[in-house]
Amino acid sequence: MMPLRVHGFNSQKLIVAIPWLWLAVFFVLPFLFILKISLSEPQLAMPPYQDWVREFEDGLLTISLNFGNYILLFEDDLYLHALLGSLKIAGISTLICILIGYPMAYAIARAPGHLRMPFLMLIILPFWTSFLLRVYAWIGILKDNGLLNQLLISIGLIDNPLQILHTPIAVYIGVVYSYLPFFVLPLYATLVRLDNTLLEAAADLGAQPLRQFLTITLPQSIPGIAAGGMLVFIPAMGEFVIPDLLGGPDTLMLGKLMWTEFFNNKDWPVASSLAAVLLVILIVPFVLFRHFEQKANEEDK
């Protein structure tokens, strides 16, 4: 069947061009704009930065790039601590999502067919409520006289309320709760497509269930783990709302620092350089994942 041609442009090229155009308009152009601001100098005006391409009265154009914003990020301990704090919270939250989400995705994938959809609906159900409202709800749960402390006191586990809100623990709880579905769904999509005949063959050869899982199920589910882990790690690195509402002064993350630089300090060049560095950091695991995925596909062929 020949592809449909419209004025010399076939439909296959059109289908491929649409997502590339989307990425160019909503990803590449905004990033180039942020990169331009990051190389400028701040000023007390609107916009609060100087354009590094300037035209003088004699018609000459000069380009004055300011790399001092990037140097500042690596010289000032504040930004380094924010980067390390973001990596720590995002990494630990991703690990917790793996430990909690894998049994959930595995149970849903192994459930009878008529029960899978209701279980998936329970995973997706929180998305029907505003993200901000869900984070605010955790304030009522985690505060000193909140539901969690009242429950622990009522069952006799503690005598005095625990200080959970405005601590790193509250941030971990908020991040894991908010992004756990992003890990479960792609992992479920991987697990549900696994070939069960391999498990049956392993059982016929005398392999115990644990060994079947470690030698067959777990290796084949690694792509789902990697995809779900990136869907948790990447947005958690730039998270602002959760550390701002649930975290305390000791919870320093890049998203919160960018908000401070943009709106409080009015230092758009430094905030833009933070955003550019964050983007480069987040692209690295994605590129590595794609590299190993393509290498695995080539080996399978």
Protein backbone atom coordinates (compact mmCIF):
# COMPACT_ATOMS: atom_id res chain seq x y z
CA MET A 1 0.00 0.00 0.00
CA MET A 2 1.51 3.29 -1.16
CA PRO A 3 1.62 6.20 1.36
CA LEU A 4 -0.74 9.08 0.66
CA ARG A 5 0.99 12.04 -1.02
CA VAL A 6 -0.17 15.60 -0.54
CA HIS A 7 1.48 18.08 -2.94
CA GLY A 8 4.65 16.02 -3.13
CA PHE A 9 4.82 15.38 0.64
CA ASN A 10 3.86 11.87 1.70
CA SER A 11 1.89 11.09 4.85
CA GLN A 12 4.73 9.17 6.51
CA LYS A 13 7.00 12.22 6.44
CA LEU A 14 4.14 14.35 7.72
CA ILE A 15 3.56 12.02 10.69
CA VAL A 16 7.27 12.15 11.55
CA ALA A 17 7.47 15.91 11.07
CA ILE A 18 4.65 16.74 13.50
CA PRO A 19 6.42 15.56 16.72
CA TRP A 20 9.69 17.14 15.56
CA LEU A 21 7.87 20.42 14.98
CA TRP A 22 6.28 20.12 18.43
CA LEU A 23 9.70 19.59 20.05
CA ALA A 24 11.19 22.52 18.13
CA VAL A 25 8.42 24.95 19.14
CA PHE A 26 7.89 23.90 22.75
CA PHE A 27 11.34 22.63 23.73
CA VAL A 28 14.17 23.90 21.52
CA LEU A 29 12.97 27.50 21.16
CA PRO A 30 12.25 28.00 24.91
CA PHE A 31 15.62 26.45 25.75
CA LEU A 32 17.42 28.77 23.32
CA PHE A 33 15.63 31.72 24.91
CA ILE A 34 16.69 30.56 28.39
CA LEU A 35 20.25 30.04 27.12
CA LYS A 36 20.30 33.57 25.75
CA ILE A 37 19.18 35.05 29.08
CA SER A 38 21.75 32.93 30.97
CA LEU A 39 24.58 34.56 29.00
CA SER A 40 23.40 38.12 29.69
CA GLU A 41 23.98 40.49 32.59
CA PRO A 42 21.31 41.48 35.14
CA GLN A 43 19.95 45.00 35.31
CA LEU A 44 17.33 46.91 37.28
CA ALA A 45 14.88 47.31 34.44
CA MET A 46 12.26 45.40 32.53
CA PRO A 47 13.28 42.93 31.29
CA PRO A 48 15.78 42.51 34.15
CA TYR A 49 18.69 41.56 31.89
CA GLN A 50 20.81 43.22 29.22
CA ASP A 51 20.79 41.88 25.69
CA TRP A 52 24.29 40.71 24.79
CA VAL A 53 23.83 41.81 21.17
CA ARG A 54 24.08 45.60 21.16
CA GLU A 55 24.05 48.14 18.35
CA PHE A 56 25.94 51.40 18.69
CA GLU A 57 25.26 54.72 16.96
CA ASP A 58 27.84 54.04 14.25
CA GLY A 59 25.93 50.91 13.26
CA LEU A 60 28.41 48.40 14.71
CA LEU A 61 27.12 45.33 16.49
CA THR A 62 28.90 43.93 19.53
CA ILE A 63 28.33 40.62 21.24
CA SER A 64 29.14 40.51 24.95
CA LEU A 65 28.61 37.05 26.43
CA ASN A 66 28.61 36.75 30.20
CA PHE A 67 29.78 33.33 31.40
CA GLY A 68 30.04 34.59 34.95
CA ASN A 69 26.59 33.22 35.78
CA TYR A 70 27.78 29.66 35.11
CA ILE A 71 31.04 30.24 36.98
CA LEU A 72 29.02 31.50 39.95
CA LEU A 73 27.03 28.26 40.05
CA PHE A 74 30.20 26.22 40.62
CA GLU A 75 31.90 28.68 42.95
CA ASP A 76 29.01 29.43 45.32
CA ASP A 77 28.31 26.63 47.80
CA LEU A 78 24.62 27.55 47.86
CA TYR A 79 24.04 26.33 44.31
CA LEU A 80 26.20 23.24 44.81
CA HIS A 81 24.21 22.30 47.92
CA ALA A 82 20.97 22.84 46.00
CA LEU A 83 22.19 20.55 43.22
CA LEU A 84 23.33 17.86 45.64
CA GLY A 85 20.08 18.20 47.60
CA SER A 86 18.02 17.78 44.43
CA LEU A 87 20.06 14.74 43.38
CA LYS A 88 19.69 13.20 46.82
CA ILE A 89 15.93 13.73 47.13
CA ALA A 90 15.24 12.70 43.52
CA GLY A 91 17.48 9.63 43.76
CA ILE A 92 16.12 8.37 47.09
CA SER A 93 12.53 9.08 46.01
CA THR A 94 13.10 7.12 42.80
CA LEU A 95 14.52 4.19 44.77
CA ILE A 96 11.51 4.23 47.12
CA CYS A 97 9.17 4.31 44.11
CA ILE A 98 10.95 1.25 42.71
CA LEU A 99 10.63 -0.65 45.98
CA ILE A 100 6.94 0.24 46.37
CA GLY A 101 5.89 0.39 42.74
CA TYR A 102 7.39 -2.85 41.48
CA PRO A 103 5.21 -5.12 43.67
CA MET A 104 2.18 -3.00 42.73
CA ALA A 105 2.87 -3.22 38.98
CA TYR A 106 3.69 -6.93 39.25
CA ALA A 107 0.49 -7.67 41.16
CA ILE A 108 -1.64 -5.78 38.64
CA ALA A 109 0.07 -7.51 35.69
CA ARG A 110 -0.55 -10.94 37.25
CA ALA A 111 -4.13 -10.18 38.31
CA PRO A 112 -7.05 -11.67 36.35
CA GLY A 113 -7.91 -9.72 33.23
CA HIS A 114 -11.20 -8.35 34.55
CA LEU A 115 -9.46 -6.88 37.64
CA ARG A 116 -6.59 -5.12 35.90
CA MET A 117 -8.59 -2.13 34.73
CA PRO A 118 -10.09 -1.38 38.20
CA PHE A 119 -6.61 -1.64 39.73
CA LEU A 120 -5.19 0.73 37.10
CA MET A 121 -8.04 3.14 37.76
CA LEU A 122 -7.05 3.22 41.43
CA ILE A 123 -3.51 4.16 40.37
CA ILE A 124 -4.73 6.90 38.02
CA LEU A 125 -7.50 8.20 40.30
CA PRO A 126 -5.34 10.78 42.16
CA PHE A 127 -4.67 12.55 38.85
CA TRP A 128 -8.35 13.55 38.74
CA THR A 129 -7.59 15.96 41.58
CA SER A 130 -5.42 19.05 41.31
CA PHE A 131 -1.75 18.41 42.08
CA LEU A 132 -1.63 21.47 44.34
CA LEU A 133 -4.68 20.32 46.33
CA ARG A 134 -3.13 16.88 46.85
CA VAL A 135 0.05 18.45 48.22
CA TYR A 136 -2.00 20.73 50.49
CA ALA A 137 -3.84 17.66 51.76
CA TRP A 138 -0.55 16.24 53.01
CA ILE A 139 -0.10 19.34 55.16
CA GLY A 140 -3.27 18.39 57.04
CA ILE A 141 -2.04 14.82 57.37
CA LEU A 142 1.55 15.51 58.47
CA LYS A 143 1.21 18.56 60.75
CA ASP A 144 1.62 18.22 64.52
CA ASN A 145 -2.12 17.87 65.16
CA GLY A 146 -2.75 16.19 61.82
CA LEU A 147 -4.36 12.87 61.01
CA LEU A 148 -1.14 10.85 61.12
CA ASN A 149 -0.07 12.03 64.58
CA GLN A 150 -3.59 11.62 65.92
CA LEU A 151 -3.68 8.05 64.61
CA LEU A 152 -0.29 7.17 66.11
CA ILE A 153 -1.26 8.65 69.49
CA SER A 154 -4.66 6.92 69.50
CA ILE A 155 -3.12 3.48 68.96
CA GLY A 156 -0.43 4.13 71.60
CA LEU A 157 2.67 4.12 69.38
CA ILE A 158 3.73 7.64 70.45
CA ASP A 159 2.95 9.94 73.37
CA ASN A 160 3.83 13.28 71.78
CA PRO A 161 3.26 14.44 68.19
CA LEU A 162 6.11 13.82 65.77
CA GLN A 163 7.65 16.69 63.82
CA ILE A 164 7.14 15.46 60.25
CA LEU A 165 5.94 18.53 58.38
CA HIS A 166 8.67 20.92 57.17
CA THR A 167 11.29 18.17 57.24
CA PRO A 168 13.00 16.18 54.45
CA ILE A 169 10.81 13.19 55.38
CA ALA A 170 7.71 15.15 54.40
CA VAL A 171 9.32 16.00 51.05
CA TYR A 172 10.08 12.33 50.39
CA ILE A 173 6.50 11.42 51.23
CA GLY A 174 5.14 14.10 48.91
CA VAL A 175 7.42 13.21 46.00
CA VAL A 176 6.81 9.46 46.26
CA TYR A 177 3.06 9.92 46.56
CA SER A 178 2.91 12.34 43.62
CA TYR A 179 5.16 10.47 41.19
CA LEU A 180 4.58 6.81 42.10
CA PRO A 181 1.96 6.36 39.31
CA PHE A 182 4.55 7.54 36.76
CA PHE A 183 6.65 4.51 37.74
CA VAL A 184 3.88 1.94 38.06
CA LEU A 185 2.23 2.54 34.68
CA PRO A 186 5.23 2.04 32.34
CA LEU A 187 6.46 -0.90 34.43
CA TYR A 188 3.01 -2.49 34.25
CA ALA A 189 3.04 -2.06 30.46
CA THR A 190 6.34 -3.98 30.37
CA LEU A 191 5.32 -6.74 32.79
CA VAL A 192 1.98 -7.42 31.15
CA ARG A 193 3.72 -8.18 27.84
CA LEU A 194 6.15 -10.74 29.27
CA ASP A 195 6.05 -14.24 27.79
CA ASN A 196 4.56 -16.49 30.48
CA THR A 197 5.68 -19.61 28.61
CA LEU A 198 9.23 -18.89 29.81
CA LEU A 199 8.04 -19.08 33.41
CA GLU A 200 6.20 -22.31 32.67
CA ALA A 201 9.32 -23.77 31.07
CA ALA A 202 11.43 -22.74 34.06
CA ALA A 203 8.91 -24.32 36.43
CA ASP A 204 9.01 -27.56 34.41
CA LEU A 205 12.78 -27.56 34.77
CA GLY A 206 12.46 -27.30 38.56
CA ALA A 207 13.11 -23.59 39.12
CA GLN A 208 11.53 -22.20 42.26
CA PRO A 209 9.31 -19.05 42.03
CA LEU A 210 12.05 -16.81 43.44
CA ARG A 211 14.58 -18.07 40.92
CA GLN A 212 12.03 -17.67 38.12
CA PHE A 213 11.56 -14.06 39.14
CA LEU A 214 15.28 -13.28 39.43
CA THR A 215 16.33 -15.00 36.19
CA ILE A 216 13.35 -14.31 33.91
CA THR A 217 10.92 -11.66 35.12
CA LEU A 218 13.36 -9.14 36.62
CA PRO A 219 15.82 -9.01 33.67
CA GLN A 220 13.00 -8.61 31.15
CA SER A 221 11.40 -5.83 33.21
CA ILE A 222 14.55 -3.68 33.34
CA PRO A 223 13.39 -1.43 30.44
CA GLY A 224 10.18 -0.70 32.34
CA ILE A 225 12.13 0.00 35.53
CA ALA A 226 14.45 2.39 33.68
CA ALA A 227 11.59 4.19 31.92
CA GLY A 228 9.54 4.53 35.11
CA GLY A 229 12.60 5.57 37.11
CA MET A 230 13.36 8.40 34.68
CA LEU A 231 9.72 9.55 34.76
CA VAL A 232 10.13 9.92 38.53
CA PHE A 233 13.71 11.19 38.72
CA ILE A 234 13.50 13.89 36.04
CA PRO A 235 10.48 15.86 37.37
CA ALA A 236 11.59 15.30 40.98
CA MET A 237 14.91 17.04 40.23
CA GLY A 238 13.12 20.27 39.28
CA GLU A 239 10.30 20.02 41.80
CA PHE A 240 9.28 23.30 43.46
CA VAL A 241 5.80 22.95 44.97
CA ILE A 242 6.48 19.94 47.21
CA PRO A 243 9.70 21.22 48.89
CA ASP A 244 8.17 24.69 49.23
CA LEU A 245 4.98 23.49 50.96
CA LEU A 246 6.17 20.38 52.81
CA GLY A 247 9.87 21.05 53.27
CA GLY A 248 11.67 23.29 55.73
CA PRO A 249 14.52 25.76 55.46
CA ASP A 250 17.00 22.88 55.32
CA THR A 251 15.33 21.45 52.21
CA LEU A 252 17.17 23.16 49.38
CA MET A 253 16.40 22.08 45.82
CA LEU A 254 17.08 23.61 42.42
CA GLY A 255 13.43 24.24 41.62
CA LYS A 256 12.94 26.23 44.80
CA LEU A 257 16.19 28.12 44.23
CA MET A 258 15.19 29.01 40.65
CA TRP A 259 11.90 30.42 41.94
CA THR A 260 13.82 32.57 44.43
CA GLU A 261 16.22 33.87 41.77
CA PHE A 262 13.45 34.58 39.24
CA PHE A 263 10.80 36.21 41.41
CA ASN A 264 12.47 37.37 44.63
CA ASN A 265 15.99 38.37 43.56
CA LYS A 266 14.92 39.31 39.99
CA ASP A 267 18.17 37.75 38.78
CA TRP A 268 16.97 36.15 35.57
CA PRO A 269 20.44 35.37 34.15
CA VAL A 270 21.45 33.27 37.18
CA ALA A 271 18.05 31.56 37.27
CA SER A 272 18.30 30.80 33.54
CA SER A 273 21.78 29.36 33.95
CA LEU A 274 20.41 27.13 36.72
CA ALA A 275 17.66 25.94 34.39
CA ALA A 276 20.18 25.26 31.60
CA VAL A 277 22.50 23.28 33.88
CA LEU A 278 19.56 21.30 35.24
CA LEU A 279 18.44 20.44 31.71
CA VAL A 280 21.92 19.21 30.76
CA ILE A 281 22.06 17.05 33.89
CA LEU A 282 18.67 15.51 33.11
CA ILE A 283 19.53 14.83 29.47
CA VAL A 284 22.50 12.62 30.44
CA PRO A 285 20.50 9.70 31.95
CA PHE A 286 18.02 9.89 29.08
CA VAL A 287 20.78 9.65 26.46
CA LEU A 288 22.42 6.76 28.33
CA PHE A 289 19.08 4.96 28.55
CA ARG A 290 18.48 5.35 24.82
CA HIS A 291 22.03 4.15 24.08
CA PHE A 292 21.71 0.97 26.12
CA GLU A 293 18.19 0.36 24.81
CA GLN A 294 19.37 0.55 21.19
CA LYS A 295 22.36 -1.65 22.02
CA ALA A 296 20.06 -4.25 23.60
CA ASN A 297 17.77 -4.19 20.57
CA GLU A 298 20.72 -4.73 18.26
CA GLU A 299 21.90 -7.69 20.32
CA ASP A 300 18.40 -9.22 20.22
CA LYS A 301 18.42 -8.99 16.42
